[in-house]
Amino acid sequence: MRKLSHAESKLLKRHNFLHFKRDTNLRELSVLRRYHIEDRSDYQKYMRLVGAVQALAHRLKLLDPSDPVRIDLSRQLLDKLYAKGLVATGASLEAVDALTVSAFCRRRLPVVMMRVKMAESVKAATTLIHHGHVRIGPEVVRDPAFFVTRAQEDHLTWVDQSKVKRILASYNDELDDYALLNA
């Protein structure tokens, strides 16, 4: 073997070519595929959010358990996480340690649509969202990365002019003749 040049030896000191950073992304790829996430930066944002929430919970755990500030802040954190749909009711700070990126991904609009049986798959739900067939309350949503809270889940429906809504109404014999005139 030949002797390495000065630049090559310095490069070898700085980098480990046997272990790449991207070799450990199997979990990331499986989550991206399972939840049909189109933008990889969404996954990285969820990772940062999970880290920030877990760091906050860790700092709260360092306080005395009988401290009223800890009790109040823990209750506020758990109430917000429950309202977002990330933890179950009656959760404790230990439940925050089990918080994962998948918990955030399960609250994305296509996954919620599939869970309430508005679409057969996450990919089909993503297509319907891109085409503008879905609304939450009065707002039409075209972003599949839209985060659906527990309160918004009740207001998830089809757009009034959607052909999907018309097909479902005709299938269920609920199609109104007046609706046909306005469409």
C-alpha atoms as a PDB file:
ATOM      1  CA  MET A   1       0.000   0.000   0.000  1.00  0.00           C
ATOM      2  CA  ARG A   2       1.266   3.441  -0.843  1.00  0.00           C
ATOM      3  CA  LYS A   3       1.955   6.118   1.712  1.00  0.00           C
ATOM      4  CA  LEU A   4      -0.954   8.547   2.187  1.00  0.00           C
ATOM      5  CA  SER A   5      -0.485  12.191   1.321  1.00  0.00           C
ATOM      6  CA  HIS A   6      -0.826  14.850   3.997  1.00  0.00           C
ATOM      7  CA  ALA A   7      -4.382  15.807   2.864  1.00  0.00           C
ATOM      8  CA  GLU A   8      -5.501  12.174   2.771  1.00  0.00           C
ATOM      9  CA  SER A   9      -4.221  11.456   6.260  1.00  0.00           C
ATOM     10  CA  LYS A  10      -5.924  14.590   7.657  1.00  0.00           C
ATOM     11  CA  LEU A  11      -9.156  13.535   5.951  1.00  0.00           C
ATOM     12  CA  LEU A  12      -8.960  10.090   7.508  1.00  0.00           C
ATOM     13  CA  LYS A  13      -8.495  11.636  10.944  1.00  0.00           C
ATOM     14  CA  ARG A  14     -11.683  13.664  10.587  1.00  0.00           C
ATOM     15  CA  HIS A  15     -14.037  11.180   8.936  1.00  0.00           C
ATOM     16  CA  ASN A  16     -14.988   7.624   9.602  1.00  0.00           C
ATOM     17  CA  PHE A  17     -15.703   6.149   6.183  1.00  0.00           C
ATOM     18  CA  LEU A  18     -16.904   2.873   7.644  1.00  0.00           C
ATOM     19  CA  HIS A  19     -19.895   4.419   9.424  1.00  0.00           C
ATOM     20  CA  PHE A  20     -22.071   6.885   7.514  1.00  0.00           C
ATOM     21  CA  LYS A  21     -24.721   9.036   9.180  1.00  0.00           C
ATOM     22  CA  ARG A  22     -27.384   7.925   6.712  1.00  0.00           C
ATOM     23  CA  ASP A  23     -26.891   4.210   7.419  1.00  0.00           C
ATOM     24  CA  THR A  24     -29.035   4.458  10.534  1.00  0.00           C
ATOM     25  CA  ASN A  25     -32.118   5.877   8.850  1.00  0.00           C
ATOM     26  CA  LEU A  26     -34.085   2.638   8.462  1.00  0.00           C
ATOM     27  CA  ARG A  27     -36.617   3.800  11.037  1.00  0.00           C
ATOM     28  CA  GLU A  28     -36.968   7.112   9.225  1.00  0.00           C
ATOM     29  CA  LEU A  29     -37.567   5.417   5.894  1.00  0.00           C
ATOM     30  CA  SER A  30     -40.157   3.062   7.320  1.00  0.00           C
ATOM     31  CA  VAL A  31     -42.063   5.974   8.903  1.00  0.00           C
ATOM     32  CA  LEU A  32     -41.862   7.994   5.673  1.00  0.00           C
ATOM     33  CA  ARG A  33     -43.234   5.045   3.723  1.00  0.00           C
ATOM     34  CA  ARG A  34     -45.926   3.992   6.220  1.00  0.00           C
ATOM     35  CA  TYR A  35     -47.427   7.468   6.607  1.00  0.00           C
ATOM     36  CA  HIS A  36     -46.751   8.526   2.978  1.00  0.00           C
ATOM     37  CA  ILE A  37     -44.740  11.606   3.993  1.00  0.00           C
ATOM     38  CA  GLU A  38     -43.605  13.380   0.856  1.00  0.00           C
ATOM     39  CA  ASP A  39     -41.239  15.886   2.445  1.00  0.00           C
ATOM     40  CA  ARG A  40     -38.378  14.499   4.536  1.00  0.00           C
ATOM     41  CA  SER A  41     -38.078  17.787   6.402  1.00  0.00           C
ATOM     42  CA  ASP A  42     -41.475  17.075   8.014  1.00  0.00           C
ATOM     43  CA  TYR A  43     -39.948  14.021   9.678  1.00  0.00           C
ATOM     44  CA  GLN A  44     -37.030  16.114  10.929  1.00  0.00           C
ATOM     45  CA  LYS A  45     -39.444  18.729  12.331  1.00  0.00           C
ATOM     46  CA  TYR A  46     -41.334  16.008  14.184  1.00  0.00           C
ATOM     47  CA  MET A  47     -38.033  14.708  15.578  1.00  0.00           C
ATOM     48  CA  ARG A  48     -37.168  18.168  16.890  1.00  0.00           C
ATOM     49  CA  LEU A  49     -40.625  18.535  18.449  1.00  0.00           C
ATOM     50  CA  VAL A  50     -40.361  15.153  20.164  1.00  0.00           C
ATOM     51  CA  GLY A  51     -36.935  16.084  21.490  1.00  0.00           C
ATOM     52  CA  ALA A  52     -38.145  19.454  22.791  1.00  0.00           C
ATOM     53  CA  VAL A  53     -41.186  17.945  24.526  1.00  0.00           C
ATOM     54  CA  GLN A  54     -39.109  15.168  26.079  1.00  0.00           C
ATOM     55  CA  ALA A  55     -36.487  17.679  27.251  1.00  0.00           C
ATOM     56  CA  LEU A  56     -39.207  19.767  28.882  1.00  0.00           C
ATOM     57  CA  ALA A  57     -40.640  16.680  30.588  1.00  0.00           C
ATOM     58  CA  HIS A  58     -37.163  15.722  31.793  1.00  0.00           C
ATOM     59  CA  ARG A  59     -36.656  19.165  33.328  1.00  0.00           C
ATOM     60  CA  LEU A  60     -40.035  18.912  35.029  1.00  0.00           C
ATOM     61  CA  LYS A  61     -39.067  15.525  36.476  1.00  0.00           C
ATOM     62  CA  LEU A  62     -35.997  17.097  38.079  1.00  0.00           C
ATOM     63  CA  LEU A  63     -38.265  19.274  40.239  1.00  0.00           C
ATOM     64  CA  ASP A  64     -39.617  18.029  43.551  1.00  0.00           C
ATOM     65  CA  PRO A  65     -42.768  15.898  42.946  1.00  0.00           C
ATOM     66  CA  SER A  66     -44.724  17.824  45.591  1.00  0.00           C
ATOM     67  CA  ASP A  67     -43.770  21.222  44.149  1.00  0.00           C
ATOM     68  CA  PRO A  68     -46.961  23.064  43.062  1.00  0.00           C
ATOM     69  CA  VAL A  69     -45.151  24.577  40.067  1.00  0.00           C
ATOM     70  CA  ARG A  70     -44.188  21.119  38.820  1.00  0.00           C
ATOM     71  CA  ILE A  71     -47.726  19.834  39.301  1.00  0.00           C
ATOM     72  CA  ASP A  72     -49.234  22.804  37.469  1.00  0.00           C
ATOM     73  CA  LEU A  73     -46.758  22.744  34.571  1.00  0.00           C
ATOM     74  CA  SER A  74     -47.015  18.959  34.227  1.00  0.00           C
ATOM     75  CA  ARG A  75     -50.810  19.187  34.078  1.00  0.00           C
ATOM     76  CA  GLN A  76     -50.611  21.972  31.444  1.00  0.00           C
ATOM     77  CA  LEU A  77     -48.174  19.976  29.319  1.00  0.00           C
ATOM     78  CA  LEU A  78     -50.233  16.792  29.511  1.00  0.00           C
ATOM     79  CA  ASP A  79     -53.472  18.680  28.767  1.00  0.00           C
ATOM     80  CA  LYS A  80     -51.938  20.243  25.663  1.00  0.00           C
ATOM     81  CA  LEU A  81     -50.543  16.929  24.471  1.00  0.00           C
ATOM     82  CA  TYR A  82     -53.934  15.291  25.044  1.00  0.00           C
ATOM     83  CA  ALA A  83     -55.741  18.068  23.140  1.00  0.00           C
ATOM     84  CA  LYS A  84     -53.326  17.535  20.261  1.00  0.00           C
ATOM     85  CA  GLY A  85     -53.986  13.791  20.386  1.00  0.00           C
ATOM     86  CA  LEU A  86     -50.430  12.783  21.197  1.00  0.00           C
ATOM     87  CA  VAL A  87     -50.991  11.071  24.574  1.00  0.00           C
ATOM     88  CA  ALA A  88     -53.873   9.140  26.116  1.00  0.00           C
ATOM     89  CA  THR A  89     -56.045  10.512  28.860  1.00  0.00           C
ATOM     90  CA  GLY A  90     -54.740  10.041  32.379  1.00  0.00           C
ATOM     91  CA  ALA A  91     -51.177  10.087  31.132  1.00  0.00           C
ATOM     92  CA  SER A  92     -48.234  10.990  33.304  1.00  0.00           C
ATOM     93  CA  LEU A  93     -44.821  12.427  32.526  1.00  0.00           C
ATOM     94  CA  GLU A  94     -43.608   8.885  31.849  1.00  0.00           C
ATOM     95  CA  ALA A  95     -45.972   8.790  28.855  1.00  0.00           C
ATOM     96  CA  VAL A  96     -44.090  11.757  27.403  1.00  0.00           C
ATOM     97  CA  ASP A  97     -40.907   9.655  27.372  1.00  0.00           C
ATOM     98  CA  ALA A  98     -42.693   7.189  25.091  1.00  0.00           C
ATOM     99  CA  LEU A  99     -43.696   9.955  22.654  1.00  0.00           C
ATOM    100  CA  THR A 100     -42.426   9.194  19.144  1.00  0.00           C
ATOM    101  CA  VAL A 101     -42.461  10.676  15.680  1.00  0.00           C
ATOM    102  CA  SER A 102     -45.150   8.161  14.783  1.00  0.00           C
ATOM    103  CA  ALA A 103     -47.495   9.827  17.284  1.00  0.00           C
ATOM    104  CA  PHE A 104     -47.174  13.063  15.307  1.00  0.00           C
ATOM    105  CA  CYS A 105     -47.570  11.212  12.012  1.00  0.00           C
ATOM    106  CA  ARG A 106     -50.773   9.548  13.214  1.00  0.00           C
ATOM    107  CA  ARG A 107     -52.330  13.010  13.585  1.00  0.00           C
ATOM    108  CA  ARG A 108     -51.628  14.018   9.977  1.00  0.00           C
ATOM    109  CA  LEU A 109     -54.734  14.607   7.863  1.00  0.00           C
ATOM    110  CA  PRO A 110     -54.407  11.594   5.486  1.00  0.00           C
ATOM    111  CA  VAL A 111     -53.943   9.168   8.384  1.00  0.00           C
ATOM    112  CA  VAL A 112     -56.948  10.596  10.234  1.00  0.00           C
ATOM    113  CA  MET A 113     -59.007  10.343   7.028  1.00  0.00           C
ATOM    114  CA  MET A 114     -58.077   6.696   6.704  1.00  0.00           C
ATOM    115  CA  ARG A 115     -58.909   6.042  10.361  1.00  0.00           C
ATOM    116  CA  VAL A 116     -62.413   7.562  10.031  1.00  0.00           C
ATOM    117  CA  LYS A 117     -62.872   5.580   6.783  1.00  0.00           C
ATOM    118  CA  MET A 118     -62.958   8.532   4.395  1.00  0.00           C
ATOM    119  CA  ALA A 119     -60.248   6.854   2.298  1.00  0.00           C
ATOM    120  CA  GLU A 120     -58.971   3.327   1.766  1.00  0.00           C
ATOM    121  CA  SER A 121     -55.298   4.146   2.162  1.00  0.00           C
ATOM    122  CA  VAL A 122     -53.025   6.977   3.186  1.00  0.00           C
ATOM    123  CA  LYS A 123     -51.920   7.427  -0.423  1.00  0.00           C
ATOM    124  CA  ALA A 124     -55.524   7.713  -1.649  1.00  0.00           C
ATOM    125  CA  ALA A 125     -56.263  10.221   1.119  1.00  0.00           C
ATOM    126  CA  THR A 126     -53.203  12.250   0.109  1.00  0.00           C
ATOM    127  CA  THR A 127     -54.464  12.362  -3.482  1.00  0.00           C
ATOM    128  CA  LEU A 128     -57.916  13.523  -2.358  1.00  0.00           C
ATOM    129  CA  ILE A 129     -56.329  16.251  -0.241  1.00  0.00           C
ATOM    130  CA  HIS A 130     -54.131  17.471  -3.100  1.00  0.00           C
ATOM    131  CA  HIS A 131     -57.210  17.672  -5.356  1.00  0.00           C
ATOM    132  CA  GLY A 132     -59.102  19.808  -2.833  1.00  0.00           C
ATOM    133  CA  HIS A 133     -61.879  17.401  -1.797  1.00  0.00           C
ATOM    134  CA  VAL A 134     -61.418  17.780   1.977  1.00  0.00           C
ATOM    135  CA  ARG A 135     -62.225  20.568   4.386  1.00  0.00           C
ATOM    136  CA  ILE A 136     -61.957  21.081   8.119  1.00  0.00           C
ATOM    137  CA  GLY A 137     -64.708  23.423   9.233  1.00  0.00           C
ATOM    138  CA  PRO A 138     -65.060  26.092   6.531  1.00  0.00           C
ATOM    139  CA  GLU A 139     -61.437  25.841   5.337  1.00  0.00           C
ATOM    140  CA  VAL A 140     -60.437  23.693   2.351  1.00  0.00           C
ATOM    141  CA  VAL A 141     -57.193  21.884   3.176  1.00  0.00           C
ATOM    142  CA  ARG A 142     -54.723  21.053   0.415  1.00  0.00           C
ATOM    143  CA  ASP A 143     -51.715  20.234   2.571  1.00  0.00           C
ATOM    144  CA  PRO A 144     -51.367  16.564   3.550  1.00  0.00           C
ATOM    145  CA  ALA A 145     -49.036  17.564   6.410  1.00  0.00           C
ATOM    146  CA  PHE A 146     -51.941  19.347   8.142  1.00  0.00           C
ATOM    147  CA  PHE A 147     -51.960  18.399  11.841  1.00  0.00           C
ATOM    148  CA  VAL A 148     -55.468  17.436  13.022  1.00  0.00           C
ATOM    149  CA  THR A 149     -56.214  17.969  16.711  1.00  0.00           C
ATOM    150  CA  ARG A 150     -58.930  16.113  18.609  1.00  0.00           C
ATOM    151  CA  ALA A 151     -61.279  19.106  18.333  1.00  0.00           C
ATOM    152  CA  GLN A 152     -60.745  19.486  14.573  1.00  0.00           C
ATOM    153  CA  GLU A 153     -61.360  15.791  13.957  1.00  0.00           C
ATOM    154  CA  ASP A 154     -65.119  16.303  14.438  1.00  0.00           C
ATOM    155  CA  HIS A 155     -65.217  18.973  11.718  1.00  0.00           C
ATOM    156  CA  LEU A 156     -63.526  16.863   9.028  1.00  0.00           C
ATOM    157  CA  THR A 157     -65.781  16.529   5.967  1.00  0.00           C
ATOM    158  CA  TRP A 158     -65.949  16.699   2.184  1.00  0.00           C
ATOM    159  CA  VAL A 159     -66.091  19.968   0.243  1.00  0.00           C
ATOM    160  CA  ASP A 160     -69.660  20.778  -0.864  1.00  0.00           C
ATOM    161  CA  GLN A 161     -68.775  20.719  -4.582  1.00  0.00           C
ATOM    162  CA  SER A 162     -66.773  17.492  -4.292  1.00  0.00           C
ATOM    163  CA  LYS A 163     -67.648  14.670  -6.665  1.00  0.00           C
ATOM    164  CA  VAL A 164     -66.772  12.228  -3.907  1.00  0.00           C
ATOM    165  CA  LYS A 165     -69.493  13.736  -1.727  1.00  0.00           C
ATOM    166  CA  ARG A 166     -71.997  13.534  -4.599  1.00  0.00           C
ATOM    167  CA  ILE A 167     -71.130   9.883  -5.295  1.00  0.00           C
ATOM    168  CA  LEU A 168     -71.518   8.987  -1.618  1.00  0.00           C
ATOM    169  CA  ALA A 169     -74.849  10.814  -1.414  1.00  0.00           C
ATOM    170  CA  SER A 170     -76.217   9.026  -4.490  1.00  0.00           C
ATOM    171  CA  TYR A 171     -75.008   5.683  -3.145  1.00  0.00           C
ATOM    172  CA  ASN A 172     -76.783   6.295   0.176  1.00  0.00           C
ATOM    173  CA  ASP A 173     -79.937   7.658  -1.600  1.00  0.00           C
ATOM    174  CA  GLU A 174     -79.420  11.033   0.065  1.00  0.00           C
ATOM    175  CA  LEU A 175     -78.806  13.066  -3.085  1.00  0.00           C
ATOM    176  CA  ASP A 176     -80.992  16.150  -3.171  1.00  0.00           C
ATOM    177  CA  ASP A 177     -82.347  17.455  -6.490  1.00  0.00           C
ATOM    178  CA  TYR A 178     -81.651  21.011  -5.317  1.00  0.00           C
ATOM    179  CA  ALA A 179     -78.006  20.064  -4.790  1.00  0.00           C
ATOM    180  CA  LEU A 180     -77.839  18.897  -8.405  1.00  0.00           C
ATOM    181  CA  LEU A 181     -79.072  22.311  -9.635  1.00  0.00           C
ATOM    182  CA  ASN A 182     -76.421  24.177  -7.642  1.00  0.00           C
ATOM    183  CA  ALA A 183     -73.534  21.888  -8.553  1.00  0.00           C
END
